[in-house]
Amino acid sequence: MEIISDMLAIVQERGGSIKPTHLMYKANLSHSQMKSYLDELIVKSLIKKEETNKGSRIAITKPGRDFLFQYSRMREFEKTFGL
């Protein structure tokens, strides 16, 4: 969950779209790890892959932004109650 949250936050911080290699470096993941996570996030519609004339990019979707918001609320709740 933490890795998924980090990946979504990185994409969000970059204006909602990022090159896959930049995401891999920012999230500190190997290529195979990132591919596995990206496949899962795409299946769950939290991100989408976009093809541009400059190559592919990863974009966060509305469900991805909603997940990130709810996950951050849950983390705050845990901190509040020391869980």
PDB file of N, CA and C in Angstrom:
ATOM      1  N   MET A   1       0.830  -1.201   0.000  1.00  0.00           N
ATOM      2  CA  MET A   1       0.000   0.000   0.000  1.00  0.00           C
ATOM      3  C   MET A   1       0.867   1.255   0.000  1.00  0.00           C
ATOM      4  N   GLU A   2       1.934   1.218   0.777  1.00  0.00           N
ATOM      5  CA  GLU A   2       2.795   2.391   0.881  1.00  0.00           C
ATOM      6  C   GLU A   2       3.459   2.700  -0.468  1.00  0.00           C
ATOM      7  N   ILE A   3       3.909   1.663  -1.154  1.00  0.00           N
ATOM      8  CA  ILE A   3       4.555   1.864  -2.459  1.00  0.00           C
ATOM      9  C   ILE A   3       3.552   2.404  -3.469  1.00  0.00           C
ATOM     10  N   ILE A   4       2.369   1.848  -3.470  1.00  0.00           N
ATOM     11  CA  ILE A   4       1.326   2.321  -4.385  1.00  0.00           C
ATOM     12  C   ILE A   4       0.987   3.773  -4.098  1.00  0.00           C
ATOM     13  N   SER A   5       0.853   4.097  -2.837  1.00  0.00           N
ATOM     14  CA  SER A   5       0.579   5.477  -2.445  1.00  0.00           C
ATOM     15  C   SER A   5       1.713   6.401  -2.885  1.00  0.00           C
ATOM     16  N   ASP A   6       2.949   5.972  -2.681  1.00  0.00           N
ATOM     17  CA  ASP A   6       4.100   6.783  -3.099  1.00  0.00           C
ATOM     18  C   ASP A   6       4.099   7.012  -4.605  1.00  0.00           C
ATOM     19  N   MET A   7       3.819   5.954  -5.361  1.00  0.00           N
ATOM     20  CA  MET A   7       3.799   6.086  -6.821  1.00  0.00           C
ATOM     21  C   MET A   7       2.726   7.072  -7.269  1.00  0.00           C
ATOM     22  N   LEU A   8       1.543   6.944  -6.703  1.00  0.00           N
ATOM     23  CA  LEU A   8       0.456   7.857  -7.067  1.00  0.00           C
ATOM     24  C   LEU A   8       0.787   9.293  -6.665  1.00  0.00           C
ATOM     25  N   ALA A   9       1.396   9.465  -5.500  1.00  0.00           N
ATOM     26  CA  ALA A   9       1.762  10.808  -5.033  1.00  0.00           C
ATOM     27  C   ALA A   9       2.809  11.432  -5.951  1.00  0.00           C
ATOM     28  N   ILE A  10       3.760  10.638  -6.410  1.00  0.00           N
ATOM     29  CA  ILE A  10       4.785  11.148  -7.319  1.00  0.00           C
ATOM     30  C   ILE A  10       4.148  11.632  -8.619  1.00  0.00           C
ATOM     31  N   VAL A  11       3.242  10.841  -9.170  1.00  0.00           N
ATOM     32  CA  VAL A  11       2.559  11.240 -10.410  1.00  0.00           C
ATOM     33  C   VAL A  11       1.748  12.513 -10.164  1.00  0.00           C
ATOM     34  N   GLN A  12       1.047  12.570  -9.049  1.00  0.00           N
ATOM     35  CA  GLN A  12       0.227  13.739  -8.703  1.00  0.00           C
ATOM     36  C   GLN A  12       1.098  14.988  -8.562  1.00  0.00           C
ATOM     37  N   GLU A  13       2.242  14.841  -7.887  1.00  0.00           N
ATOM     38  CA  GLU A  13       3.141  15.984  -7.674  1.00  0.00           C
ATOM     39  C   GLU A  13       3.732  16.509  -8.974  1.00  0.00           C
ATOM     40  N   ARG A  14       3.828  15.669  -9.961  1.00  0.00           N
ATOM     41  CA  ARG A  14       4.370  16.057 -11.267  1.00  0.00           C
ATOM     42  C   ARG A  14       3.278  16.580 -12.191  1.00  0.00           C
ATOM     43  N   GLY A  15       2.195  17.030 -11.645  1.00  0.00           N
ATOM     44  CA  GLY A  15       1.124  17.604 -12.452  1.00  0.00           C
ATOM     45  C   GLY A  15       0.159  16.571 -13.008  1.00  0.00           C
ATOM     46  N   GLY A  16       0.211  15.347 -12.485  1.00  0.00           N
ATOM     47  CA  GLY A  16      -0.724  14.318 -12.901  1.00  0.00           C
ATOM     48  C   GLY A  16      -0.226  13.417 -14.008  1.00  0.00           C
ATOM     49  N   SER A  17       0.995  13.658 -14.492  1.00  0.00           N
ATOM     50  CA  SER A  17       1.528  12.859 -15.589  1.00  0.00           C
ATOM     51  C   SER A  17       3.055  12.821 -15.495  1.00  0.00           C
ATOM     52  N   ILE A  18       3.637  11.648 -15.782  1.00  0.00           N
ATOM     53  CA  ILE A  18       5.091  11.487 -15.672  1.00  0.00           C
ATOM     54  C   ILE A  18       5.547  10.400 -16.636  1.00  0.00           C
ATOM     55  N   LYS A  19       6.794  10.495 -17.074  1.00  0.00           N
ATOM     56  CA  LYS A  19       7.373   9.445 -17.898  1.00  0.00           C
ATOM     57  C   LYS A  19       7.638   8.223 -17.015  1.00  0.00           C
ATOM     58  N   PRO A  20       7.440   7.023 -17.555  1.00  0.00           N
ATOM     59  CA  PRO A  20       7.641   5.813 -16.745  1.00  0.00           C
ATOM     60  C   PRO A  20       9.032   5.707 -16.118  1.00  0.00           C
ATOM     61  N   THR A  21      10.066   6.061 -16.864  1.00  0.00           N
ATOM     62  CA  THR A  21      11.418   5.961 -16.291  1.00  0.00           C
ATOM     63  C   THR A  21      11.614   6.946 -15.144  1.00  0.00           C
ATOM     64  N   HIS A  22      11.039   8.125 -15.250  1.00  0.00           N
ATOM     65  CA  HIS A  22      11.147   9.100 -14.160  1.00  0.00           C
ATOM     66  C   HIS A  22      10.432   8.586 -12.916  1.00  0.00           C
ATOM     67  N   LEU A  23       9.286   7.961 -13.120  1.00  0.00           N
ATOM     68  CA  LEU A  23       8.559   7.382 -11.989  1.00  0.00           C
ATOM     69  C   LEU A  23       9.374   6.269 -11.350  1.00  0.00           C
ATOM     70  N   MET A  24      10.002   5.454 -12.156  1.00  0.00           N
ATOM     71  CA  MET A  24      10.808   4.349 -11.643  1.00  0.00           C
ATOM     72  C   MET A  24      11.933   4.877 -10.752  1.00  0.00           C
ATOM     73  N   TYR A  25      12.627   5.921 -11.197  1.00  0.00           N
ATOM     74  CA  TYR A  25      13.715   6.485 -10.409  1.00  0.00           C
ATOM     75  C   TYR A  25      13.207   7.187  -9.156  1.00  0.00           C
ATOM     76  N   LYS A  26      12.145   7.965  -9.289  1.00  0.00           N
ATOM     77  CA  LYS A  26      11.609   8.702  -8.139  1.00  0.00           C
ATOM     78  C   LYS A  26      11.069   7.759  -7.063  1.00  0.00           C
ATOM     79  N   ALA A  27      10.466   6.643  -7.490  1.00  0.00           N
ATOM     80  CA  ALA A  27       9.904   5.676  -6.541  1.00  0.00           C
ATOM     81  C   ALA A  27      10.949   4.672  -6.067  1.00  0.00           C
ATOM     82  N   ASN A  28      12.161   4.754  -6.624  1.00  0.00           N
ATOM     83  CA  ASN A  28      13.259   3.874  -6.237  1.00  0.00           C
ATOM     84  C   ASN A  28      12.901   2.397  -6.432  1.00  0.00           C
ATOM     85  N   LEU A  29      12.386   2.081  -7.622  1.00  0.00           N
ATOM     86  CA  LEU A  29      11.981   0.716  -7.944  1.00  0.00           C
ATOM     87  C   LEU A  29      12.817   0.170  -9.091  1.00  0.00           C
ATOM     88  N   SER A  30      12.967  -1.136  -9.128  1.00  0.00           N
ATOM     89  CA  SER A  30      13.589  -1.768 -10.282  1.00  0.00           C
ATOM     90  C   SER A  30      12.565  -1.771 -11.419  1.00  0.00           C
ATOM     91  N   HIS A  31      13.041  -2.064 -12.616  1.00  0.00           N
ATOM     92  CA  HIS A  31      12.142  -2.087 -13.765  1.00  0.00           C
ATOM     93  C   HIS A  31      11.049  -3.140 -13.590  1.00  0.00           C
ATOM     94  N   SER A  32      11.419  -4.326 -13.134  1.00  0.00           N
ATOM     95  CA  SER A  32      10.425  -5.395 -12.977  1.00  0.00           C
ATOM     96  C   SER A  32       9.419  -5.058 -11.870  1.00  0.00           C
ATOM     97  N   GLN A  33       9.879  -4.449 -10.783  1.00  0.00           N
ATOM     98  CA  GLN A  33       8.959  -4.041  -9.714  1.00  0.00           C
ATOM     99  C   GLN A  33       7.973  -3.011 -10.236  1.00  0.00           C
ATOM    100  N   MET A  34       8.508  -2.021 -10.944  1.00  0.00           N
ATOM    101  CA  MET A  34       7.635  -0.958 -11.434  1.00  0.00           C
ATOM    102  C   MET A  34       6.603  -1.512 -12.419  1.00  0.00           C
ATOM    103  N   LYS A  35       7.040  -2.382 -13.312  1.00  0.00           N
ATOM    104  CA  LYS A  35       6.117  -2.958 -14.280  1.00  0.00           C
ATOM    105  C   LYS A  35       4.991  -3.699 -13.571  1.00  0.00           C
ATOM    106  N   SER A  36       5.327  -4.445 -12.543  1.00  0.00           N
ATOM    107  CA  SER A  36       4.319  -5.190 -11.786  1.00  0.00           C
ATOM    108  C   SER A  36       3.309  -4.237 -11.133  1.00  0.00           C
ATOM    109  N   TYR A  37       3.804  -3.189 -10.490  1.00  0.00           N
ATOM    110  CA  TYR A  37       2.917  -2.216  -9.851  1.00  0.00           C
ATOM    111  C   TYR A  37       2.085  -1.459 -10.877  1.00  0.00           C
ATOM    112  N   LEU A  38       2.701  -1.057 -11.982  1.00  0.00           N
ATOM    113  CA  LEU A  38       1.959  -0.332 -13.013  1.00  0.00           C
ATOM    114  C   LEU A  38       0.840  -1.181 -13.583  1.00  0.00           C
ATOM    115  N   ASP A  39       1.140  -2.456 -13.848  1.00  0.00           N
ATOM    116  CA  ASP A  39       0.098  -3.349 -14.368  1.00  0.00           C
ATOM    117  C   ASP A  39      -1.083  -3.417 -13.406  1.00  0.00           C
ATOM    118  N   GLU A  40      -0.791  -3.538 -12.119  1.00  0.00           N
ATOM    119  CA  GLU A  40      -1.857  -3.609 -11.113  1.00  0.00           C
ATOM    120  C   GLU A  40      -2.644  -2.304 -11.049  1.00  0.00           C
ATOM    121  N   LEU A  41      -1.947  -1.177 -11.083  1.00  0.00           N
ATOM    122  CA  LEU A  41      -2.614   0.123 -11.003  1.00  0.00           C
ATOM    123  C   LEU A  41      -3.469   0.396 -12.239  1.00  0.00           C
ATOM    124  N   ILE A  42      -3.017  -0.061 -13.389  1.00  0.00           N
ATOM    125  CA  ILE A  42      -3.793   0.118 -14.619  1.00  0.00           C
ATOM    126  C   ILE A  42      -5.060  -0.740 -14.567  1.00  0.00           C
ATOM    127  N   VAL A  43      -4.924  -1.987 -14.124  1.00  0.00           N
ATOM    128  CA  VAL A  43      -6.086  -2.880 -14.016  1.00  0.00           C
ATOM    129  C   VAL A  43      -7.118  -2.296 -13.061  1.00  0.00           C
ATOM    130  N   LYS A  44      -6.654  -1.668 -11.982  1.00  0.00           N
ATOM    131  CA  LYS A  44      -7.556  -1.086 -10.990  1.00  0.00           C
ATOM    132  C   LYS A  44      -8.001   0.325 -11.372  1.00  0.00           C
ATOM    133  N   SER A  45      -7.590   0.794 -12.539  1.00  0.00           N
ATOM    134  CA  SER A  45      -7.955   2.121 -13.083  1.00  0.00           C
ATOM    135  C   SER A  45      -7.503   3.279 -12.208  1.00  0.00           C
ATOM    136  N   LEU A  46      -6.398   3.103 -11.471  1.00  0.00           N
ATOM    137  CA  LEU A  46      -5.865   4.197 -10.660  1.00  0.00           C
ATOM    138  C   LEU A  46      -4.916   5.074 -11.476  1.00  0.00           C
ATOM    139  N   ILE A  47      -4.356   4.506 -12.525  1.00  0.00           N
ATOM    140  CA  ILE A  47      -3.543   5.255 -13.473  1.00  0.00           C
ATOM    141  C   ILE A  47      -3.900   4.781 -14.875  1.00  0.00           C
ATOM    142  N   LYS A  48      -3.432   5.537 -15.855  1.00  0.00           N
ATOM    143  CA  LYS A  48      -3.593   5.108 -17.240  1.00  0.00           C
ATOM    144  C   LYS A  48      -2.309   5.445 -17.983  1.00  0.00           C
ATOM    145  N   LYS A  49      -2.044   4.682 -19.010  1.00  0.00           N
ATOM    146  CA  LYS A  49      -0.873   4.914 -19.834  1.00  0.00           C
ATOM    147  C   LYS A  49      -1.309   5.701 -21.055  1.00  0.00           C
ATOM    148  N   GLU A  50      -0.611   6.791 -21.316  1.00  0.00           N
ATOM    149  CA  GLU A  50      -0.929   7.645 -22.454  1.00  0.00           C
ATOM    150  C   GLU A  50       0.234   7.643 -23.426  1.00  0.00           C
ATOM    151  N   GLU A  51      -0.068   7.540 -24.693  1.00  0.00           N
ATOM    152  CA  GLU A  51       0.962   7.613 -25.731  1.00  0.00           C
ATOM    153  C   GLU A  51       0.945   9.017 -26.326  1.00  0.00           C
ATOM    154  N   THR A  52       2.112   9.636 -26.359  1.00  0.00           N
ATOM    155  CA  THR A  52       2.250  10.961 -26.959  1.00  0.00           C
ATOM    156  C   THR A  52       3.279  10.872 -28.071  1.00  0.00           C
ATOM    157  N   ASN A  53       3.468  11.965 -28.782  1.00  0.00           N
ATOM    158  CA  ASN A  53       4.480  11.964 -29.830  1.00  0.00           C
ATOM    159  C   ASN A  53       5.898  11.930 -29.254  1.00  0.00           C
ATOM    160  N   LYS A  54       6.040  12.183 -27.961  1.00  0.00           N
ATOM    161  CA  LYS A  54       7.342  12.136 -27.295  1.00  0.00           C
ATOM    162  C   LYS A  54       7.528  10.842 -26.502  1.00  0.00           C
ATOM    163  N   GLY A  55       6.626   9.885 -26.637  1.00  0.00           N
ATOM    164  CA  GLY A  55       6.735   8.623 -25.907  1.00  0.00           C
ATOM    165  C   GLY A  55       5.559   8.428 -24.974  1.00  0.00           C
ATOM    166  N   SER A  56       5.664   7.417 -24.143  1.00  0.00           N
ATOM    167  CA  SER A  56       4.546   7.128 -23.244  1.00  0.00           C
ATOM    168  C   SER A  56       4.689   7.879 -21.930  1.00  0.00           C
ATOM    169  N   ARG A  57       3.552   8.104 -21.299  1.00  0.00           N
ATOM    170  CA  ARG A  57       3.492   8.769 -19.993  1.00  0.00           C
ATOM    171  C   ARG A  57       2.482   8.035 -19.139  1.00  0.00           C
ATOM    172  N   ILE A  58       2.653   8.144 -17.849  1.00  0.00           N
ATOM    173  CA  ILE A  58       1.736   7.584 -16.872  1.00  0.00           C
ATOM    174  C   ILE A  58       0.941   8.740 -16.290  1.00  0.00           C
ATOM    175  N   ALA A  59      -0.380   8.612 -16.297  1.00  0.00           N
ATOM    176  CA  ALA A  59      -1.250   9.676 -15.769  1.00  0.00           C
ATOM    177  C   ALA A  59      -2.149   9.113 -14.681  1.00  0.00           C
ATOM    178  N   ILE A  60      -2.328   9.900 -13.644  1.00  0.00           N
ATOM    179  CA  ILE A  60      -3.224   9.500 -12.554  1.00  0.00           C
ATOM    180  C   ILE A  60      -4.665   9.775 -12.991  1.00  0.00           C
ATOM    181  N   THR A  61      -5.568   8.899 -12.606  1.00  0.00           N
ATOM    182  CA  THR A  61      -6.987   9.052 -12.953  1.00  0.00           C
ATOM    183  C   THR A  61      -7.734   9.621 -11.751  1.00  0.00           C
ATOM    184  N   LYS A  62      -8.992   9.952 -11.949  1.00  0.00           N
ATOM    185  CA  LYS A  62      -9.805  10.426 -10.828  1.00  0.00           C
ATOM    186  C   LYS A  62      -9.883   9.374  -9.724  1.00  0.00           C
ATOM    187  N   PRO A  63     -10.134   8.094 -10.038  1.00  0.00           N
ATOM    188  CA  PRO A  63     -10.109   7.096  -8.954  1.00  0.00           C
ATOM    189  C   PRO A  63      -8.743   7.027  -8.262  1.00  0.00           C
ATOM    190  N   GLY A  64      -7.675   7.274  -8.996  1.00  0.00           N
ATOM    191  CA  GLY A  64      -6.342   7.297  -8.391  1.00  0.00           C
ATOM    192  C   GLY A  64      -6.182   8.458  -7.421  1.00  0.00           C
ATOM    193  N   ARG A  65      -6.684   9.623  -7.814  1.00  0.00           N
ATOM    194  CA  ARG A  65      -6.633  10.788  -6.913  1.00  0.00           C
ATOM    195  C   ARG A  65      -7.510  10.555  -5.686  1.00  0.00           C
ATOM    196  N   ASP A  66      -8.674   9.947  -5.903  1.00  0.00           N
ATOM    197  CA  ASP A  66      -9.563   9.630  -4.774  1.00  0.00           C
ATOM    198  C   ASP A  66      -8.894   8.650  -3.819  1.00  0.00           C
ATOM    199  N   PHE A  67      -8.246   7.617  -4.360  1.00  0.00           N
ATOM    200  CA  PHE A  67      -7.534   6.646  -3.530  1.00  0.00           C
ATOM    201  C   PHE A  67      -6.458   7.349  -2.707  1.00  0.00           C
ATOM    202  N   LEU A  68      -5.682   8.198  -3.358  1.00  0.00           N
ATOM    203  CA  LEU A  68      -4.602   8.907  -2.681  1.00  0.00           C
ATOM    204  C   LEU A  68      -5.145   9.781  -1.549  1.00  0.00           C
ATOM    205  N   PHE A  69      -6.241  10.464  -1.795  1.00  0.00           N
ATOM    206  CA  PHE A  69      -6.863  11.305  -0.769  1.00  0.00           C
ATOM    207  C   PHE A  69      -7.343  10.458   0.407  1.00  0.00           C
ATOM    208  N   GLN A  70      -8.049   9.381   0.126  1.00  0.00           N
ATOM    209  CA  GLN A  70      -8.571   8.527   1.201  1.00  0.00           C
ATOM    210  C   GLN A  70      -7.440   7.845   1.964  1.00  0.00           C
ATOM    211  N   TYR A  71      -6.401   7.433   1.264  1.00  0.00           N
ATOM    212  CA  TYR A  71      -5.265   6.788   1.928  1.00  0.00           C
ATOM    213  C   TYR A  71      -4.570   7.775   2.870  1.00  0.00           C
ATOM    214  N   SER A  72      -4.420   9.022   2.434  1.00  0.00           N
ATOM    215  CA  SER A  72      -3.782  10.021   3.305  1.00  0.00           C
ATOM    216  C   SER A  72      -4.658  10.313   4.522  1.00  0.00           C
ATOM    217  N   ARG A  73      -5.977  10.306   4.347  1.00  0.00           N
ATOM    218  CA  ARG A  73      -6.887  10.481   5.501  1.00  0.00           C
ATOM    219  C   ARG A  73      -6.744   9.330   6.480  1.00  0.00           C
ATOM    220  N   MET A  74      -6.621   8.112   5.955  1.00  0.00           N
ATOM    221  CA  MET A  74      -6.461   6.942   6.810  1.00  0.00           C
ATOM    222  C   MET A  74      -5.149   7.020   7.592  1.00  0.00           C
ATOM    223  N   ARG A  75      -4.080   7.462   6.936  1.00  0.00           N
ATOM    224  CA  ARG A  75      -2.786   7.598   7.611  1.00  0.00           C
ATOM    225  C   ARG A  75      -2.866   8.651   8.724  1.00  0.00           C
ATOM    226  N   GLU A  76      -3.567   9.753   8.470  1.00  0.00           N
ATOM    227  CA  GLU A  76      -3.745  10.780   9.500  1.00  0.00           C
ATOM    228  C   GLU A  76      -4.531  10.223  10.687  1.00  0.00           C
ATOM    229  N   PHE A  77      -5.557   9.438  10.404  1.00  0.00           N
ATOM    230  CA  PHE A  77      -6.348   8.802  11.462  1.00  0.00           C
ATOM    231  C   PHE A  77      -5.455   7.907  12.307  1.00  0.00           C
ATOM    232  N   GLU A  78      -4.606   7.123  11.659  1.00  0.00           N
ATOM    233  CA  GLU A  78      -3.688   6.241  12.394  1.00  0.00           C
ATOM    234  C   GLU A  78      -2.763   7.043  13.289  1.00  0.00           C
ATOM    235  N   LYS A  79      -2.232   8.127  12.776  1.00  0.00           N
ATOM    236  CA  LYS A  79      -1.324   8.978  13.561  1.00  0.00           C
ATOM    237  C   LYS A  79      -2.048   9.595  14.753  1.00  0.00           C
ATOM    238  N   THR A  80      -3.267  10.042  14.522  1.00  0.00           N
ATOM    239  CA  THR A  80      -4.044  10.692  15.584  1.00  0.00           C
ATOM    240  C   THR A  80      -4.232   9.766  16.777  1.00  0.00           C
ATOM    241  N   PHE A  81      -4.491   8.491  16.497  1.00  0.00           N
ATOM    242  CA  PHE A  81      -4.758   7.549  17.558  1.00  0.00           C
ATOM    243  C   PHE A  81      -3.575   6.657  17.884  1.00  0.00           C
ATOM    244  N   GLY A  82      -2.415   6.972  17.315  1.00  0.00           N
ATOM    245  CA  GLY A  82      -1.200   6.230  17.635  1.00  0.00           C
ATOM    246  C   GLY A  82      -1.220   4.786  17.178  1.00  0.00           C
ATOM    247  N   LEU A  83      -1.902   4.500  16.098  1.00  0.00           N
ATOM    248  CA  LEU A  83      -1.972   3.126  15.604  1.00  0.00           C
ATOM    249  C   LEU A  83      -0.834   2.800  14.651  1.00  0.00           C
TER     250      LEU A  83
END
